[in-house]
PDB file of N, CA and C in Angstrom:
ATOM      1  N   MET A   1      -0.813  10.257 -26.307  1.00  0.00           N
ATOM      2  CA  MET A   1      -0.889  11.677 -26.045  1.00  0.00           C
ATOM      3  C   MET A   1      -0.108  12.002 -24.783  1.00  0.00           C
ATOM      4  N   GLU A   2       0.655  13.055 -24.811  1.00  0.00           N
ATOM      5  CA  GLU A   2       1.422  13.480 -23.652  1.00  0.00           C
ATOM      6  C   GLU A   2       0.476  14.048 -22.601  1.00  0.00           C
ATOM      7  N   PRO A   3       0.627  13.635 -21.332  1.00  0.00           N
ATOM      8  CA  PRO A   3      -0.272  14.149 -20.295  1.00  0.00           C
ATOM      9  C   PRO A   3      -0.032  15.635 -20.027  1.00  0.00           C
ATOM     10  N   PHE A   4      -1.101  16.342 -19.679  1.00  0.00           N
ATOM     11  CA  PHE A   4      -1.002  17.735 -19.249  1.00  0.00           C
ATOM     12  C   PHE A   4      -0.127  17.787 -18.011  1.00  0.00           C
ATOM     13  N   HIS A   5       0.674  18.842 -17.887  1.00  0.00           N
ATOM     14  CA  HIS A   5       1.470  18.983 -16.678  1.00  0.00           C
ATOM     15  C   HIS A   5       1.702  20.448 -16.346  1.00  0.00           C
ATOM     16  N   SER A   6       2.010  20.719 -15.090  1.00  0.00           N
ATOM     17  CA  SER A   6       2.443  22.041 -14.654  1.00  0.00           C
ATOM     18  C   SER A   6       3.264  21.866 -13.385  1.00  0.00           C
ATOM     19  N   PHE A   7       4.223  22.769 -13.189  1.00  0.00           N
ATOM     20  CA  PHE A   7       5.042  22.730 -11.985  1.00  0.00           C
ATOM     21  C   PHE A   7       4.303  23.419 -10.852  1.00  0.00           C
ATOM     22  N   LEU A   8       4.469  22.897  -9.656  1.00  0.00           N
ATOM     23  CA  LEU A   8       3.797  23.434  -8.478  1.00  0.00           C
ATOM     24  C   LEU A   8       4.804  24.114  -7.560  1.00  0.00           C
ATOM     25  N   THR A   9       4.296  24.962  -6.668  1.00  0.00           N
ATOM     26  CA  THR A   9       5.161  25.595  -5.679  1.00  0.00           C
ATOM     27  C   THR A   9       5.338  24.703  -4.454  1.00  0.00           C
ATOM     28  N   VAL A  10       4.603  23.615  -4.390  1.00  0.00           N
ATOM     29  CA  VAL A  10       4.710  22.642  -3.305  1.00  0.00           C
ATOM     30  C   VAL A  10       5.865  21.702  -3.627  1.00  0.00           C
ATOM     31  N   ALA A  11       6.671  21.381  -2.609  1.00  0.00           N
ATOM     32  CA  ALA A  11       7.828  20.500  -2.816  1.00  0.00           C
ATOM     33  C   ALA A  11       7.626  19.167  -2.108  1.00  0.00           C
ATOM     34  N   CYS A  12       8.291  18.149  -2.626  1.00  0.00           N
ATOM     35  CA  CYS A  12       8.312  16.826  -1.998  1.00  0.00           C
ATOM     36  C   CYS A  12       9.013  16.947  -0.647  1.00  0.00           C
ATOM     37  N   THR A  13       8.436  16.373   0.387  1.00  0.00           N
ATOM     38  CA  THR A  13       9.043  16.473   1.713  1.00  0.00           C
ATOM     39  C   THR A  13      10.334  15.667   1.811  1.00  0.00           C
ATOM     40  N   ASP A  14      10.493  14.646   0.974  1.00  0.00           N
ATOM     41  CA  ASP A  14      11.708  13.836   1.004  1.00  0.00           C
ATOM     42  C   ASP A  14      12.791  14.391   0.077  1.00  0.00           C
ATOM     43  N   CYS A  15      12.434  14.672  -1.171  1.00  0.00           N
ATOM     44  CA  CYS A  15      13.420  15.064  -2.197  1.00  0.00           C
ATOM     45  C   CYS A  15      13.632  16.571  -2.293  1.00  0.00           C
ATOM     46  N   LYS A  16      12.691  17.347  -1.756  1.00  0.00           N
ATOM     47  CA  LYS A  16      12.724  18.817  -1.838  1.00  0.00           C
ATOM     48  C   LYS A  16      12.584  19.326  -3.267  1.00  0.00           C
ATOM     49  N   GLU A  17      12.165  18.465  -4.193  1.00  0.00           N
ATOM     50  CA  GLU A  17      11.955  18.821  -5.592  1.00  0.00           C
ATOM     51  C   GLU A  17      10.528  19.331  -5.756  1.00  0.00           C
ATOM     52  N   SER A  18      10.334  20.342  -6.601  1.00  0.00           N
ATOM     53  CA  SER A  18       8.988  20.851  -6.880  1.00  0.00           C
ATOM     54  C   SER A  18       8.138  19.750  -7.490  1.00  0.00           C
ATOM     55  N   LEU A  19       6.924  19.641  -6.988  1.00  0.00           N
ATOM     56  CA  LEU A  19       6.011  18.638  -7.512  1.00  0.00           C
ATOM     57  C   LEU A  19       5.506  19.061  -8.885  1.00  0.00           C
ATOM     58  N   ILE A  20       5.054  18.093  -9.629  1.00  0.00           N
ATOM     59  CA  ILE A  20       4.464  18.333 -10.940  1.00  0.00           C
ATOM     60  C   ILE A  20       3.029  17.839 -10.898  1.00  0.00           C
ATOM     61  N   ARG A  21       2.137  18.685 -11.394  1.00  0.00           N
ATOM     62  CA  ARG A  21       0.736  18.291 -11.512  1.00  0.00           C
ATOM     63  C   ARG A  21       0.557  17.626 -12.863  1.00  0.00           C
ATOM     64  N   ILE A  22       0.031  16.406 -12.841  1.00  0.00           N
ATOM     65  CA  ILE A  22      -0.233  15.728 -14.110  1.00  0.00           C
ATOM     66  C   ILE A  22      -1.698  15.330 -14.157  1.00  0.00           C
ATOM     67  N   ALA A  23      -2.234  15.361 -15.340  1.00  0.00           N
ATOM     68  CA  ALA A  23      -3.616  14.954 -15.561  1.00  0.00           C
ATOM     69  C   ALA A  23      -3.654  14.100 -16.816  1.00  0.00           C
ATOM     70  N   GLN A  24      -4.114  12.907 -16.662  1.00  0.00           N
ATOM     71  CA  GLN A  24      -4.248  12.029 -17.814  1.00  0.00           C
ATOM     72  C   GLN A  24      -5.702  11.814 -18.180  1.00  0.00           C
ATOM     73  N   THR A  25      -6.600  12.207 -17.301  1.00  0.00           N
ATOM     74  CA  THR A  25      -8.020  12.150 -17.606  1.00  0.00           C
ATOM     75  C   THR A  25      -8.633  13.489 -17.235  1.00  0.00           C
ATOM     76  N   GLN A  26      -9.848  13.695 -17.638  1.00  0.00           N
ATOM     77  CA  GLN A  26     -10.517  14.968 -17.380  1.00  0.00           C
ATOM     78  C   GLN A  26     -10.756  15.199 -15.890  1.00  0.00           C
ATOM     79  N   PHE A  27     -10.881  14.129 -15.105  1.00  0.00           N
ATOM     80  CA  PHE A  27     -11.302  14.277 -13.717  1.00  0.00           C
ATOM     81  C   PHE A  27     -10.263  13.844 -12.689  1.00  0.00           C
ATOM     82  N   HIS A  28      -9.075  13.445 -13.119  1.00  0.00           N
ATOM     83  CA  HIS A  28      -8.114  12.885 -12.174  1.00  0.00           C
ATOM     84  C   HIS A  28      -6.750  13.545 -12.342  1.00  0.00           C
ATOM     85  N   ASP A  29      -6.381  14.409 -11.404  1.00  0.00           N
ATOM     86  CA  ASP A  29      -5.078  15.055 -11.397  1.00  0.00           C
ATOM     87  C   ASP A  29      -4.271  14.505 -10.233  1.00  0.00           C
ATOM     88  N   LEU A  30      -2.971  14.343 -10.448  1.00  0.00           N
ATOM     89  CA  LEU A  30      -2.056  13.916  -9.392  1.00  0.00           C
ATOM     90  C   LEU A  30      -0.988  14.978  -9.189  1.00  0.00           C
ATOM     91  N   ALA A  31      -0.539  15.126  -7.968  1.00  0.00           N
ATOM     92  CA  ALA A  31       0.670  15.875  -7.654  1.00  0.00           C
ATOM     93  C   ALA A  31       1.748  14.813  -7.478  1.00  0.00           C
ATOM     94  N   VAL A  32       2.836  14.906  -8.256  1.00  0.00           N
ATOM     95  CA  VAL A  32       3.841  13.847  -8.296  1.00  0.00           C
ATOM     96  C   VAL A  32       5.233  14.435  -8.137  1.00  0.00           C
ATOM     97  N   CYS A  33       6.073  13.764  -7.373  1.00  0.00           N
ATOM     98  CA  CYS A  33       7.481  14.122  -7.284  1.00  0.00           C
ATOM     99  C   CYS A  33       8.199  13.514  -8.484  1.00  0.00           C
ATOM    100  N   PRO A  34       8.897  14.335  -9.275  1.00  0.00           N
ATOM    101  CA  PRO A  34       9.584  13.804 -10.448  1.00  0.00           C
ATOM    102  C   PRO A  34      10.876  13.058 -10.124  1.00  0.00           C
ATOM    103  N   CYS A  35      11.236  12.980  -8.854  1.00  0.00           N
ATOM    104  CA  CYS A  35      12.439  12.232  -8.451  1.00  0.00           C
ATOM    105  C   CYS A  35      12.090  10.850  -7.900  1.00  0.00           C
ATOM    106  N   CYS A  36      11.250  10.815  -6.872  1.00  0.00           N
ATOM    107  CA  CYS A  36      10.932   9.538  -6.223  1.00  0.00           C
ATOM    108  C   CYS A  36       9.591   8.962  -6.666  1.00  0.00           C
ATOM    109  N   PHE A  37       8.825   9.740  -7.445  1.00  0.00           N
ATOM    110  CA  PHE A  37       7.525   9.341  -7.996  1.00  0.00           C
ATOM    111  C   PHE A  37       6.458   9.107  -6.935  1.00  0.00           C
ATOM    112  N   ALA A  38       6.671   9.629  -5.716  1.00  0.00           N
ATOM    113  CA  ALA A  38       5.588   9.624  -4.730  1.00  0.00           C
ATOM    114  C   ALA A  38       4.511  10.563  -5.259  1.00  0.00           C
ATOM    115  N   ALA A  39       3.252  10.249  -4.963  1.00  0.00           N
ATOM    116  CA  ALA A  39       2.163  11.033  -5.539  1.00  0.00           C
ATOM    117  C   ALA A  39       0.950  11.017  -4.616  1.00  0.00           C
ATOM    118  N   GLY A  40       0.019  11.871  -4.967  1.00  0.00           N
ATOM    119  CA  GLY A  40      -1.257  11.915  -4.272  1.00  0.00           C
ATOM    120  C   GLY A  40      -2.247  12.696  -5.089  1.00  0.00           C
ATOM    121  N   PRO A  41      -3.527  12.554  -4.781  1.00  0.00           N
ATOM    122  CA  PRO A  41      -4.527  13.341  -5.491  1.00  0.00           C
ATOM    123  C   PRO A  41      -4.219  14.839  -5.351  1.00  0.00           C
ATOM    124  N   TYR A  42      -4.248  15.551  -6.466  1.00  0.00           N
ATOM    125  CA  TYR A  42      -3.851  16.959  -6.490  1.00  0.00           C
ATOM    126  C   TYR A  42      -4.536  17.783  -5.401  1.00  0.00           C
ATOM    127  N   ASP A  43      -5.860  17.739  -5.343  1.00  0.00           N
ATOM    128  CA  ASP A  43      -6.592  18.557  -4.366  1.00  0.00           C
ATOM    129  C   ASP A  43      -6.202  18.201  -2.935  1.00  0.00           C
ATOM    130  N   ASP A  44      -6.049  16.915  -2.656  1.00  0.00           N
ATOM    131  CA  ASP A  44      -5.705  16.484  -1.295  1.00  0.00           C
ATOM    132  C   ASP A  44      -4.311  16.952  -0.892  1.00  0.00           C
ATOM    133  N   VAL A  45      -3.364  16.882  -1.821  1.00  0.00           N
ATOM    134  CA  VAL A  45      -1.978  17.261  -1.521  1.00  0.00           C
ATOM    135  C   VAL A  45      -1.833  18.772  -1.441  1.00  0.00           C
ATOM    136  N   VAL A  46      -2.297  19.474  -2.461  1.00  0.00           N
ATOM    137  CA  VAL A  46      -2.064  20.916  -2.554  1.00  0.00           C
ATOM    138  C   VAL A  46      -2.995  21.718  -1.647  1.00  0.00           C
ATOM    139  N   GLU A  47      -4.256  21.368  -1.630  1.00  0.00           N
ATOM    140  CA  GLU A  47      -5.217  22.158  -0.868  1.00  0.00           C
ATOM    141  C   GLU A  47      -5.358  21.700   0.578  1.00  0.00           C
ATOM    142  N   ASP A  48      -5.209  20.407   0.840  1.00  0.00           N
ATOM    143  CA  ASP A  48      -5.438  19.881   2.183  1.00  0.00           C
ATOM    144  C   ASP A  48      -4.161  19.450   2.897  1.00  0.00           C
ATOM    145  N   GLY A  49      -3.012  19.515   2.219  1.00  0.00           N
ATOM    146  CA  GLY A  49      -1.740  19.188   2.855  1.00  0.00           C
ATOM    147  C   GLY A  49      -1.496  17.708   3.093  1.00  0.00           C
ATOM    148  N   MET A  50      -2.210  16.850   2.383  1.00  0.00           N
ATOM    149  CA  MET A  50      -2.000  15.411   2.547  1.00  0.00           C
ATOM    150  C   MET A  50      -0.580  15.028   2.105  1.00  0.00           C
ATOM    151  N   ALA A  51      -0.005  14.078   2.787  1.00  0.00           N
ATOM    152  CA  ALA A  51       1.336  13.610   2.428  1.00  0.00           C
ATOM    153  C   ALA A  51       1.289  12.782   1.149  1.00  0.00           C
ATOM    154  N   LEU A  52       2.383  12.828   0.401  1.00  0.00           N
ATOM    155  CA  LEU A  52       2.515  11.991  -0.790  1.00  0.00           C
ATOM    156  C   LEU A  52       2.710  10.541  -0.366  1.00  0.00           C
ATOM    157  N   ARG A  53       2.339   9.623  -1.249  1.00  0.00           N
ATOM    158  CA  ARG A  53       2.535   8.204  -0.978  1.00  0.00           C
ATOM    159  C   ARG A  53       3.287   7.586  -2.142  1.00  0.00           C
ATOM    160  N   SER A  54       4.149   6.647  -1.840  1.00  0.00           N
ATOM    161  CA  SER A  54       4.828   5.902  -2.901  1.00  0.00           C
ATOM    162  C   SER A  54       3.915   4.780  -3.361  1.00  0.00           C
ATOM    163  N   GLY A  55       4.279   4.170  -4.461  1.00  0.00           N
ATOM    164  CA  GLY A  55       3.542   3.016  -4.930  1.00  0.00           C
ATOM    165  C   GLY A  55       2.406   3.308  -5.886  1.00  0.00           C
ATOM    166  N   HIS A  56       2.293   4.554  -6.358  1.00  0.00           N
ATOM    167  CA  HIS A  56       1.249   4.838  -7.347  1.00  0.00           C
ATOM    168  C   HIS A  56       1.596   4.131  -8.647  1.00  0.00           C
ATOM    169  N   ASP A  57       0.594   3.715  -9.355  1.00  0.00           N
ATOM    170  CA  ASP A  57       0.779   2.973 -10.596  1.00  0.00           C
ATOM    171  C   ASP A  57       0.990   3.949 -11.752  1.00  0.00           C
ATOM    172  N   LEU A  58       2.225   4.441 -11.886  1.00  0.00           N
ATOM    173  CA  LEU A  58       2.583   5.346 -12.972  1.00  0.00           C
ATOM    174  C   LEU A  58       3.256   4.527 -14.063  1.00  0.00           C
ATOM    175  N   SER A  59       2.823   4.733 -15.283  1.00  0.00           N
ATOM    176  CA  SER A  59       3.425   3.989 -16.388  1.00  0.00           C
ATOM    177  C   SER A  59       4.864   4.453 -16.615  1.00  0.00           C
ATOM    178  N   GLU A  60       5.629   3.631 -17.256  1.00  0.00           N
ATOM    179  CA  GLU A  60       7.007   4.009 -17.592  1.00  0.00           C
ATOM    180  C   GLU A  60       7.022   5.240 -18.491  1.00  0.00           C
ATOM    181  N   GLU A  61       6.015   5.379 -19.339  1.00  0.00           N
ATOM    182  CA  GLU A  61       5.918   6.554 -20.212  1.00  0.00           C
ATOM    183  C   GLU A  61       5.734   7.828 -19.388  1.00  0.00           C
ATOM    184  N   VAL A  62       4.860   7.782 -18.383  1.00  0.00           N
ATOM    185  CA  VAL A  62       4.639   8.949 -17.528  1.00  0.00           C
ATOM    186  C   VAL A  62       5.903   9.250 -16.731  1.00  0.00           C
ATOM    187  N   LYS A  63       6.572   8.241 -16.209  1.00  0.00           N
ATOM    188  CA  LYS A  63       7.817   8.460 -15.471  1.00  0.00           C
ATOM    189  C   LYS A  63       8.868   9.111 -16.366  1.00  0.00           C
ATOM    190  N   ALA A  64       8.949   8.690 -17.618  1.00  0.00           N
ATOM    191  CA  ALA A  64       9.898   9.302 -18.564  1.00  0.00           C
ATOM    192  C   ALA A  64       9.556  10.763 -18.803  1.00  0.00           C
ATOM    193  N   HIS A  65       8.268  11.080 -18.939  1.00  0.00           N
ATOM    194  CA  HIS A  65       7.849  12.481 -19.091  1.00  0.00           C
ATOM    195  C   HIS A  65       8.242  13.287 -17.855  1.00  0.00           C
ATOM    196  N   LEU A  66       7.997  12.734 -16.668  1.00  0.00           N
ATOM    197  CA  LEU A  66       8.333  13.442 -15.431  1.00  0.00           C
ATOM    198  C   LEU A  66       9.825  13.743 -15.354  1.00  0.00           C
ATOM    199  N   ARG A  67      10.646  12.769 -15.694  1.00  0.00           N
ATOM    200  CA  ARG A  67      12.101  12.995 -15.683  1.00  0.00           C
ATOM    201  C   ARG A  67      12.496  14.082 -16.679  1.00  0.00           C
ATOM    202  N   ARG A  68      11.915  14.033 -17.866  1.00  0.00           N
ATOM    203  CA  ARG A  68      12.238  15.014 -18.907  1.00  0.00           C
ATOM    204  C   ARG A  68      11.802  16.419 -18.482  1.00  0.00           C
ATOM    205  N   TRP A  69      10.585  16.542 -17.935  1.00  0.00           N
ATOM    206  CA  TRP A  69      10.116  17.853 -17.475  1.00  0.00           C
ATOM    207  C   TRP A  69      10.998  18.379 -16.351  1.00  0.00           C
ATOM    208  N   ARG A  70      11.385  17.501 -15.425  1.00  0.00           N
ATOM    209  CA  ARG A  70      12.260  17.913 -14.317  1.00  0.00           C
ATOM    210  C   ARG A  70      13.581  18.433 -14.857  1.00  0.00           C
ATOM    211  N   ASP A  71      14.142  17.745 -15.821  1.00  0.00           N
ATOM    212  CA  ASP A  71      15.449  18.144 -16.371  1.00  0.00           C
ATOM    213  C   ASP A  71      15.370  19.413 -17.210  1.00  0.00           C
ATOM    214  N   MET A  72      14.211  19.683 -17.813  1.00  0.00           N
ATOM    215  CA  MET A  72      14.047  20.878 -18.647  1.00  0.00           C
ATOM    216  C   MET A  72      13.694  22.113 -17.836  1.00  0.00           C
ATOM    217  N   ARG A  73      13.192  21.931 -16.624  1.00  0.00           N
ATOM    218  CA  ARG A  73      12.722  23.043 -15.786  1.00  0.00           C
ATOM    219  C   ARG A  73      13.886  23.931 -15.376  1.00  0.00           C
ATOM    220  N   ASP A  74      13.621  25.221 -15.338  1.00  0.00           N
ATOM    221  CA  ASP A  74      14.615  26.165 -14.832  1.00  0.00           C
ATOM    222  C   ASP A  74      14.757  25.953 -13.325  1.00  0.00           C
ATOM    223  N   HIS A  75      15.978  25.760 -12.874  1.00  0.00           N
ATOM    224  CA  HIS A  75      16.211  25.555 -11.424  1.00  0.00           C
ATOM    225  C   HIS A  75      16.649  26.827 -10.788  1.00  0.00           C
TER     226      HIS A  75
END
């Protein structure tokens, strides 16, 4: 199943690309940069201003979705 996603108004501090909110479970949302794949818990990043971290365990399938969504988004 394709994960739920939405584009955010928050941008990656390194890439300046709009973050994407992804949810693969009912209770766990991530804010993810579709370029460098740095991520963080959605609430912590968007609501509390926490910095993104690299090294999240994103599957190759999720990374492919992120790239596709980034390329399809209106710039």
